[in-house]
Amino acid sequence: MDDADRMLQFIDASPSPFHACATAAAMLTADGFVEVDERDAWPDAPGRYVLRRGGSLVAWSTAASSAAHDPFRVVGAHTDSPNLRLKQHHDRTLDGARVVALEPYGGPLLGTWLDRDLGVAGRVVLRDGSERLVHVDEPVLRVPNLAIHLDRETSSPDKQRHLDGVWGLQGRGEARSFLSWLGEREGFAADDVLGFELMTTDTQPSARTGVDGALLAAPRLDNQATCFAGVRAMLAADEVPDVRPVLVMFDHEEVGSTSERGAQSDLLATVLERVVLAAGGTRDDLHRAVAASICASGDMAHATHPNRPDRHEPLHRIELGGGPVLKVNQNLRYATDARGTAVFAQACEQAGVPLQRYVHRADLPCGSTIGPISAARTGMTTVDVGAPQLAMHSAREVMAAADVDHYAAALTAFLAPA
């Protein structure tokens, strides 16, 4: 099995940000990382550690020879993806159909979520304070399209009125709530659920497609492909002299990152400070370390669309399978500057992989990443990078299998410079 197949397994095991962190933590602890709780005293011994805060994760490694003021090399990613999520009051009956009320999270391509076999995943918090991850990986919900005979203009679905998911028929079976049905499946009582974050998931497994499996079709490539590549890089970056490798995977990027666990939070800054203090350092050592540190903000990149090349900057074509992508925007939608560019270009040279450079069309609004946010929060030099893909924000996205190796190799060389 190669890394492309391993990444598809990672994605299928990670239908929500909470599952993505659990999957990543399992990979890290299996290789010797020790999971810590940030509410406990911080470990002061050198080693490899990982912590989770909801749908976010931070992993770091310190060698016995590390000094308190040694710089950090940080790979950043995000765990969330656009989808349809359950409203707090979601049970409805309409014209004989039992439906679950859904609303968009982030900016999904809504048409791709219609007429798909949808499962449910996320977390519930119970009356006793315990938390359960849930995942129904079989077709239970379906958001039906409107027949062309009733909508000749094929208009886009209305976010408020047209996204309810059908899951049953009125008068067929016991009239129970969706949460009661879910609890029976997952082993908890609906009355014990005091909070939940539940979302729909595409039940079609990730797959290799195209001639000789050269392409990968999967949900959540944006941005679980970066999460996987970051974990692989972190596993390979052990005992790096004079550098402390860090992986941070934030939740809530798709909705602005403003939460207790998003890139706008204190999560990364707090972890870095506690690492320095646990090594016997001072606040001055922390500021010295951050000033010499650099972050590669990893988020997927737009490959040039073969059917719509006119939507791309003509001097910056990006090929599937063409290697990692450096993303530059003069208006700082990406955080890349000349110094960060040079560091990542050297990492690609060290890894022996090609580097592509992306610039968005100047007459189209450009998306953003955790890069500018985390750079402003930490004061750390930051470079925005990614792997090329098509159909970003679709329920099912596409990338080249070869770029999984390219991406992981580049991030590994970034975390562990020669």
Protein backbone atom coordinates (compact mmCIF):
# COMPACT_ATOMS: atom_id res chain seq x y z
CA MET A 1 0.00 0.00 0.00
CA ASP A 2 1.40 3.42 -0.94
CA ASP A 3 0.75 6.80 0.68
CA ALA A 4 -2.08 7.59 -1.73
CA ASP A 5 -4.02 4.55 -0.53
CA ARG A 6 -3.14 5.34 3.08
CA MET A 7 -4.48 8.85 2.64
CA LEU A 8 -7.77 7.53 1.27
CA GLN A 9 -8.05 5.31 4.35
CA PHE A 10 -7.32 8.34 6.56
CA ILE A 11 -10.11 10.33 4.89
CA ASP A 12 -12.67 7.52 5.09
CA ALA A 13 -11.88 7.15 8.80
CA SER A 14 -12.26 10.92 9.35
CA PRO A 15 -15.81 12.03 8.47
CA SER A 16 -15.66 15.02 10.84
CA PRO A 17 -12.98 17.28 12.35
CA PHE A 18 -13.25 15.31 15.60
CA HIS A 19 -12.64 12.04 13.79
CA ALA A 20 -9.75 13.57 11.82
CA CYS A 21 -8.02 14.49 15.07
CA ALA A 22 -8.69 11.04 16.53
CA THR A 23 -7.28 9.37 13.40
CA ALA A 24 -4.19 11.60 13.39
CA ALA A 25 -3.62 11.09 17.11
CA ALA A 26 -3.84 7.32 16.68
CA MET A 27 -1.19 7.42 13.93
CA LEU A 28 1.10 9.56 16.08
CA THR A 29 0.72 7.61 19.33
CA ALA A 30 1.28 4.33 17.47
CA ASP A 31 4.71 5.72 16.57
CA GLY A 32 5.61 6.78 20.09
CA PHE A 33 3.97 10.18 20.56
CA VAL A 34 2.49 10.65 24.02
CA GLU A 35 -0.96 12.22 24.20
CA VAL A 36 -1.30 14.93 26.84
CA ASP A 37 -4.23 16.87 28.24
CA GLU A 38 -3.63 20.63 28.19
CA ARG A 39 -5.44 20.87 31.55
CA ASP A 40 -2.63 18.88 33.16
CA ALA A 41 0.89 19.96 34.07
CA TRP A 42 3.04 20.30 30.97
CA PRO A 43 5.64 17.59 30.29
CA ASP A 44 9.14 18.95 30.91
CA ALA A 45 11.06 15.99 29.49
CA PRO A 46 12.21 15.99 25.85
CA GLY A 47 10.05 13.81 23.65
CA ARG A 48 7.20 13.68 21.17
CA TYR A 49 3.77 14.82 22.29
CA VAL A 50 0.28 15.45 20.94
CA LEU A 51 -2.83 17.14 22.33
CA ARG A 52 -6.37 17.61 21.08
CA ARG A 53 -8.76 20.47 21.66
CA GLY A 54 -12.09 19.43 20.11
CA GLY A 55 -11.60 19.29 16.36
CA SER A 56 -8.06 20.70 16.55
CA LEU A 57 -4.72 19.03 17.26
CA VAL A 58 -1.13 20.05 18.00
CA ALA A 59 1.86 17.70 17.91
CA TRP A 60 5.45 18.63 18.67
CA SER A 61 8.87 17.09 19.11
CA THR A 62 11.79 18.23 21.25
CA ALA A 63 15.19 16.57 21.31
CA ALA A 64 17.40 16.22 24.38
CA SER A 65 19.77 18.68 22.77
CA SER A 66 17.07 21.31 22.14
CA ALA A 67 17.67 24.73 23.67
CA ALA A 68 14.74 26.77 25.01
CA HIS A 69 15.27 29.44 22.32
CA ASP A 70 15.55 27.00 19.39
CA PRO A 71 13.18 27.91 16.53
CA PHE A 72 10.04 26.01 15.62
CA ARG A 73 9.21 24.64 12.18
CA VAL A 74 5.40 24.55 12.01
CA VAL A 75 3.16 22.81 9.48
CA GLY A 76 -0.39 24.16 9.70
CA ALA A 77 -3.58 22.63 8.33
CA HIS A 78 -7.31 22.63 8.99
CA THR A 79 -9.60 19.70 9.77
CA ASP A 80 -12.98 21.06 8.67
CA SER A 81 -14.60 20.94 5.22
CA PRO A 82 -17.78 22.50 3.78
CA ASN A 83 -20.84 20.31 4.28
CA LEU A 84 -24.45 20.25 5.48
CA ARG A 85 -24.99 20.22 9.25
CA LEU A 86 -27.98 19.41 11.44
CA LYS A 87 -29.92 22.30 12.95
CA GLN A 88 -30.60 22.20 16.69
CA HIS A 89 -34.31 21.55 16.08
CA HIS A 90 -34.17 19.38 12.99
CA ASP A 91 -37.14 16.97 13.00
CA ARG A 92 -39.88 17.86 10.51
CA THR A 93 -42.73 16.13 8.70
CA LEU A 94 -43.73 17.53 5.32
CA ASP A 95 -46.34 16.01 2.99
CA GLY A 96 -45.81 12.52 4.33
CA ALA A 97 -42.02 12.69 4.38
CA ARG A 98 -39.95 12.70 7.55
CA VAL A 99 -37.04 15.04 7.05
CA VAL A 100 -34.03 16.39 8.94
CA ALA A 101 -33.45 20.14 8.68
CA LEU A 102 -29.93 20.93 7.48
CA GLU A 103 -27.92 24.09 6.89
CA PRO A 104 -24.69 24.76 5.00
CA TYR A 105 -21.39 24.96 6.83
CA GLY A 106 -18.77 27.02 5.04
CA GLY A 107 -19.12 27.38 1.29
CA PRO A 108 -20.14 24.00 -0.15
CA LEU A 109 -20.97 23.57 -3.83
CA LEU A 110 -24.58 22.89 -2.89
CA GLY A 111 -25.54 21.11 -6.10
CA THR A 112 -22.99 18.37 -5.41
CA TRP A 113 -24.74 17.47 -2.14
CA LEU A 114 -28.08 16.77 -3.80
CA ASP A 115 -29.10 13.21 -4.71
CA ARG A 116 -26.22 11.69 -2.75
CA ASP A 117 -26.33 8.88 -0.18
CA LEU A 118 -25.53 10.70 3.05
CA GLY A 119 -24.52 9.41 6.45
CA VAL A 120 -24.04 11.35 9.68
CA ALA A 121 -20.96 11.99 11.81
CA GLY A 122 -19.74 14.27 14.57
CA ARG A 123 -19.90 14.33 18.34
CA VAL A 124 -22.48 14.40 21.12
CA VAL A 125 -21.96 15.47 24.73
CA LEU A 126 -23.96 13.54 27.28
CA ARG A 127 -25.49 14.47 30.62
CA ASP A 128 -22.57 12.99 32.55
CA GLY A 129 -20.13 15.23 30.68
CA SER A 130 -18.74 12.44 28.49
CA GLU A 131 -18.23 12.95 24.78
CA ARG A 132 -19.03 10.42 22.06
CA LEU A 133 -17.88 10.38 18.47
CA VAL A 134 -20.60 9.07 16.18
CA HIS A 135 -20.46 7.87 12.60
CA VAL A 136 -23.30 6.30 10.63
CA ASP A 137 -21.51 5.22 7.47
CA GLU A 138 -24.53 4.10 5.50
CA PRO A 139 -27.22 5.90 3.50
CA VAL A 140 -29.72 7.42 5.90
CA LEU A 141 -30.33 10.91 4.48
CA ARG A 142 -30.89 12.19 0.97
CA VAL A 143 -31.49 15.75 -0.23
CA PRO A 144 -33.53 15.24 -3.41
CA ASN A 145 -33.14 17.44 -6.44
CA LEU A 146 -36.16 19.04 -8.09
CA ALA A 147 -37.17 17.41 -11.37
CA ILE A 148 -36.30 19.43 -14.47
CA HIS A 149 -40.00 19.45 -15.40
CA LEU A 150 -40.62 21.62 -12.33
CA ASP A 151 -37.57 23.83 -12.69
CA ARG A 152 -36.62 24.44 -16.31
CA GLU A 153 -34.12 27.08 -15.25
CA THR A 154 -32.34 24.61 -12.91
CA SER A 155 -31.92 27.31 -10.29
CA SER A 156 -29.58 26.90 -7.35
CA PRO A 157 -31.10 25.47 -4.16
CA ASP A 158 -32.19 27.95 -1.51
CA LYS A 159 -30.04 27.51 1.61
CA GLN A 160 -33.02 27.87 3.94
CA ARG A 161 -35.80 26.03 2.10
CA HIS A 162 -34.27 23.39 -0.14
CA LEU A 163 -31.73 21.44 1.92
CA ASP A 164 -33.82 19.22 4.20
CA GLY A 165 -32.73 15.58 4.09
CA VAL A 166 -35.41 12.92 3.66
CA TRP A 167 -34.97 9.94 6.01
CA GLY A 168 -38.37 8.29 6.37
CA LEU A 169 -42.11 8.21 5.68
CA GLN A 170 -44.86 9.43 7.96
CA GLY A 171 -46.87 6.53 9.36
CA ARG A 172 -44.16 3.95 8.58
CA GLY A 173 -42.53 2.68 11.76
CA GLU A 174 -42.37 4.34 15.17
CA ALA A 175 -42.58 8.16 15.11
CA ARG A 176 -39.26 8.73 16.84
CA SER A 177 -36.87 11.62 16.52
CA PHE A 178 -33.74 11.42 14.41
CA LEU A 179 -31.62 11.82 17.54
CA SER A 180 -33.44 8.89 19.18
CA TRP A 181 -32.75 6.73 16.14
CA LEU A 182 -29.11 7.81 16.16
CA GLY A 183 -28.78 7.05 19.87
CA GLU A 184 -30.12 3.55 19.40
CA ARG A 185 -27.50 3.02 16.71
CA GLU A 186 -24.63 4.52 18.67
CA GLY A 187 -25.46 3.40 22.21
CA PHE A 188 -26.81 6.43 24.05
CA ALA A 189 -30.22 7.75 25.09
CA ALA A 190 -31.51 10.82 23.28
CA ASP A 191 -32.59 12.34 26.61
CA ASP A 192 -28.97 12.21 27.78
CA VAL A 193 -27.73 14.33 24.86
CA LEU A 194 -27.24 17.91 26.04
CA GLY A 195 -25.19 19.08 23.07
CA PHE A 196 -24.24 17.92 19.60
CA GLU A 197 -22.28 18.90 16.50
CA LEU A 198 -23.50 16.60 13.73
CA MET A 199 -22.91 16.80 10.01
CA THR A 200 -23.71 14.88 6.86
CA THR A 201 -21.06 12.79 5.12
CA ASP A 202 -20.84 11.20 1.69
CA THR A 203 -21.06 7.44 2.17
CA GLN A 204 -19.36 6.62 -1.15
CA PRO A 205 -15.84 5.41 -0.28
CA SER A 206 -12.81 7.30 -1.49
CA ALA A 207 -11.33 5.70 -4.61
CA ARG A 208 -8.50 5.68 -7.10
CA THR A 209 -9.85 6.63 -10.52
CA GLY A 210 -8.57 7.26 -14.02
CA VAL A 211 -6.09 5.22 -16.02
CA ASP A 212 -3.92 3.08 -13.70
CA GLY A 213 -5.46 4.78 -10.66
CA ALA A 214 -3.57 7.99 -11.33
CA LEU A 215 -6.34 10.14 -9.82
CA LEU A 216 -7.97 10.17 -6.39
CA ALA A 217 -11.65 10.96 -5.86
CA ALA A 218 -12.63 11.61 -2.26
CA PRO A 219 -14.56 13.89 0.05
CA ARG A 220 -12.70 16.40 2.22
CA LEU A 221 -9.45 16.50 0.23
CA ASP A 222 -9.64 20.16 1.23
CA ASN A 223 -8.07 19.92 3.69
CA GLN A 224 -7.58 16.39 5.02
CA ALA A 225 -4.98 15.75 2.33
CA THR A 226 -2.83 18.31 4.14
CA CYS A 227 -3.66 16.77 7.53
CA PHE A 228 -2.45 13.38 6.29
CA ALA A 229 0.69 14.80 4.66
CA GLY A 230 1.40 16.79 7.82
CA VAL A 231 1.12 13.70 10.03
CA ARG A 232 3.41 11.76 7.71
CA ALA A 233 5.92 14.61 7.84
CA MET A 234 5.72 14.82 11.62
CA LEU A 235 6.34 11.09 11.97
CA ALA A 236 9.46 11.40 9.83
CA ALA A 237 10.83 14.51 11.58
CA ASP A 238 12.24 12.94 14.73
CA GLU A 239 15.33 14.29 16.54
CA VAL A 240 15.94 17.29 14.28
CA PRO A 241 18.98 19.22 15.56
CA ASP A 242 18.43 22.91 16.44
CA VAL A 243 14.79 22.83 15.22
CA ARG A 244 11.57 21.85 16.99
CA PRO A 245 8.99 20.39 14.55
CA VAL A 246 5.32 21.20 15.16
CA LEU A 247 2.09 20.13 13.46
CA VAL A 248 -1.08 22.13 14.12
CA MET A 249 -4.47 21.17 12.65
CA PHE A 250 -7.13 23.83 13.28
CA ASP A 251 -10.89 23.49 13.14
CA HIS A 252 -13.27 26.15 11.72
CA GLU A 253 -11.09 27.50 8.87
CA GLU A 254 -14.02 27.31 6.46
CA VAL A 255 -16.05 29.75 8.57
CA GLY A 256 -13.37 32.27 9.54
CA SER A 257 -11.32 30.51 12.26
CA THR A 258 -12.81 32.57 15.11
CA SER A 259 -13.34 30.02 17.86
CA GLU A 260 -11.56 28.58 20.88
CA ARG A 261 -9.88 26.04 18.60
CA GLY A 262 -9.57 27.93 15.31
CA ALA A 263 -6.51 29.72 13.96
CA GLN A 264 -7.76 32.93 15.60
CA SER A 265 -7.48 31.25 19.01
CA ASP A 266 -4.56 31.07 21.42
CA LEU A 267 -4.06 27.34 20.79
CA LEU A 268 -0.78 27.44 18.85
CA ALA A 269 0.71 30.38 20.74
CA THR A 270 -0.08 28.75 24.10
CA VAL A 271 1.47 25.42 23.12
CA LEU A 272 4.67 27.08 21.88
CA GLU A 273 4.93 29.13 25.08
CA ARG A 274 4.45 26.10 27.30
CA VAL A 275 7.08 24.14 25.33
CA VAL A 276 9.60 26.93 25.88
CA LEU A 277 8.78 27.35 29.57
CA ALA A 278 8.89 23.59 30.18
CA ALA A 279 12.40 23.57 28.73
CA GLY A 280 13.46 26.07 31.39
CA GLY A 281 13.18 29.06 29.10
CA THR A 282 11.99 32.59 29.74
CA ARG A 283 9.60 34.90 27.93
CA ASP A 284 12.62 36.32 26.16
CA ASP A 285 13.55 32.79 25.00
CA LEU A 286 10.00 32.43 23.66
CA HIS A 287 10.26 35.64 21.65
CA ARG A 288 13.68 34.61 20.35
CA ALA A 289 12.31 31.24 19.27
CA VAL A 290 9.26 32.69 17.50
CA ALA A 291 11.33 35.35 15.74
CA ALA A 292 13.47 32.61 14.18
CA SER A 293 10.54 30.27 13.43
CA ILE A 294 8.60 29.69 10.23
CA CYS A 295 5.21 28.18 9.45
CA ALA A 296 4.08 26.41 6.29
CA SER A 297 0.34 26.99 6.15
CA GLY A 298 -0.93 24.01 4.17
CA ASP A 299 -4.24 24.20 2.33
CA MET A 300 -5.22 22.68 -0.97
CA ALA A 301 -4.60 24.62 -4.18
CA HIS A 302 -6.54 25.12 -7.40
CA ALA A 303 -5.28 23.06 -10.32
CA THR A 304 -6.03 24.58 -13.70
CA HIS A 305 -9.45 23.26 -14.70
CA PRO A 306 -9.26 21.50 -18.09
CA ASN A 307 -12.78 22.63 -19.00
CA ARG A 308 -12.45 26.17 -17.69
CA PRO A 309 -8.86 27.37 -18.18
CA ASP A 310 -10.23 30.89 -18.70
CA ARG A 311 -10.89 31.14 -14.94
CA HIS A 312 -7.18 30.92 -14.13
CA GLU A 313 -4.25 33.32 -14.26
CA PRO A 314 -2.70 32.56 -17.69
CA LEU A 315 0.92 32.86 -16.49
CA HIS A 316 0.41 30.51 -13.54
CA ARG A 317 -0.98 27.23 -14.81
CA ILE A 318 -1.08 24.50 -12.14
CA GLU A 319 -0.94 20.83 -13.13
CA LEU A 320 -2.35 17.82 -11.33
CA GLY A 321 0.65 15.65 -10.48
CA GLY A 322 2.96 18.64 -10.93
CA GLY A 323 4.07 18.88 -7.32
CA PRO A 324 3.36 21.16 -4.35
CA VAL A 325 2.01 24.65 -4.95
CA LEU A 326 3.36 27.88 -3.51
CA LYS A 327 0.49 30.37 -3.16
CA VAL A 328 1.11 34.12 -3.45
CA ASN A 329 -1.36 36.99 -3.21
CA GLN A 330 -0.30 40.64 -3.22
CA ASN A 331 -3.30 41.60 -1.07
CA LEU A 332 -2.30 39.06 1.62
CA ARG A 333 -5.11 36.60 1.20
CA TYR A 334 -2.10 34.29 1.46
CA ALA A 335 0.69 35.07 3.94
CA THR A 336 3.60 34.15 1.62
CA ASP A 337 6.53 36.55 1.46
CA ALA A 338 9.96 36.31 -0.17
CA ARG A 339 11.67 34.75 2.85
CA GLY A 340 9.00 32.08 3.27
CA THR A 341 9.11 31.41 -0.46
CA ALA A 342 12.84 30.76 -0.33
CA VAL A 343 12.55 28.37 2.62
CA PHE A 344 9.81 26.28 1.03
CA ALA A 345 11.56 26.27 -2.36
CA GLN A 346 14.66 24.89 -0.62
CA ALA A 347 12.52 22.23 1.08
CA CYS A 348 11.20 21.10 -2.31
CA GLU A 349 14.75 20.98 -3.68
CA GLN A 350 15.87 18.92 -0.67
CA ALA A 351 12.94 16.54 -1.20
CA GLY A 352 13.58 16.29 -4.95
CA VAL A 353 10.03 17.34 -5.89
CA PRO A 354 8.92 20.01 -8.37
CA LEU A 355 7.43 23.29 -7.13
CA GLN A 356 4.54 25.14 -8.79
CA ARG A 357 3.64 28.78 -8.13
CA TYR A 358 0.03 29.93 -7.96
CA VAL A 359 -1.39 33.43 -8.38
CA HIS A 360 -5.16 34.03 -8.47
CA ARG A 361 -6.70 36.01 -11.33
CA ALA A 362 -6.63 39.68 -10.36
CA ASP A 363 -10.24 40.19 -11.48
CA LEU A 364 -11.63 37.39 -9.26
CA PRO A 365 -11.92 37.42 -5.46
CA CYS A 366 -9.32 35.16 -3.86
CA GLY A 367 -10.02 32.77 -1.00
CA SER A 368 -7.84 32.72 2.10
CA THR A 369 -6.33 30.27 4.57
CA ILE A 370 -5.15 29.97 8.15
CA GLY A 371 -1.86 31.51 6.97
CA PRO A 372 -2.54 35.24 7.38
CA ILE A 373 -4.43 34.62 10.63
CA SER A 374 -1.80 32.47 12.33
CA ALA A 375 0.98 34.76 11.07
CA ALA A 376 -0.73 37.75 12.70
CA ARG A 377 -1.43 35.81 15.92
CA THR A 378 2.14 34.55 16.35
CA GLY A 379 4.33 37.03 14.46
CA MET A 380 5.89 34.06 12.69
CA THR A 381 7.10 34.13 9.09
CA THR A 382 4.49 32.13 7.16
CA VAL A 383 4.34 30.64 3.68
CA ASP A 384 1.09 29.38 2.13
CA VAL A 385 1.39 26.10 0.26
CA GLY A 386 -0.81 23.25 -0.91
CA ALA A 387 -1.34 20.35 -3.26
CA PRO A 388 -3.28 20.84 -6.52
CA GLN A 389 -6.85 19.61 -6.81
CA LEU A 390 -10.04 20.08 -8.81
CA ALA A 391 -13.63 20.61 -7.61
CA MET A 392 -12.69 22.33 -4.36
CA HIS A 393 -15.66 22.48 -1.92
CA SER A 394 -17.53 19.78 -3.83
CA ALA A 395 -18.95 16.82 -1.95
CA ARG A 396 -16.32 14.83 -3.85
CA GLU A 397 -13.01 16.31 -4.97
CA VAL A 398 -10.15 15.16 -7.24
CA MET A 399 -6.35 15.19 -7.02
CA ALA A 400 -3.43 13.24 -8.49
CA ALA A 401 -2.15 10.23 -6.58
CA ALA A 402 1.45 11.28 -7.25
CA ASP A 403 0.93 14.56 -5.41
CA VAL A 404 0.36 12.78 -2.10
CA ASP A 405 4.01 11.66 -2.10
CA HIS A 406 5.18 15.03 -3.44
CA TYR A 407 3.32 16.93 -0.73
CA ALA A 408 4.39 14.72 2.18
CA ALA A 409 8.01 14.76 1.02
CA ALA A 410 8.08 18.55 0.76
CA LEU A 411 6.53 19.02 4.22
CA THR A 412 8.95 16.49 5.68
CA ALA A 413 11.92 18.39 4.27
CA PHE A 414 10.41 21.63 5.58
CA LEU A 415 10.11 20.23 9.11
CA ALA A 416 13.54 18.60 8.99
CA PRO A 417 15.85 20.83 6.93
CA ALA A 418 19.15 19.28 5.90
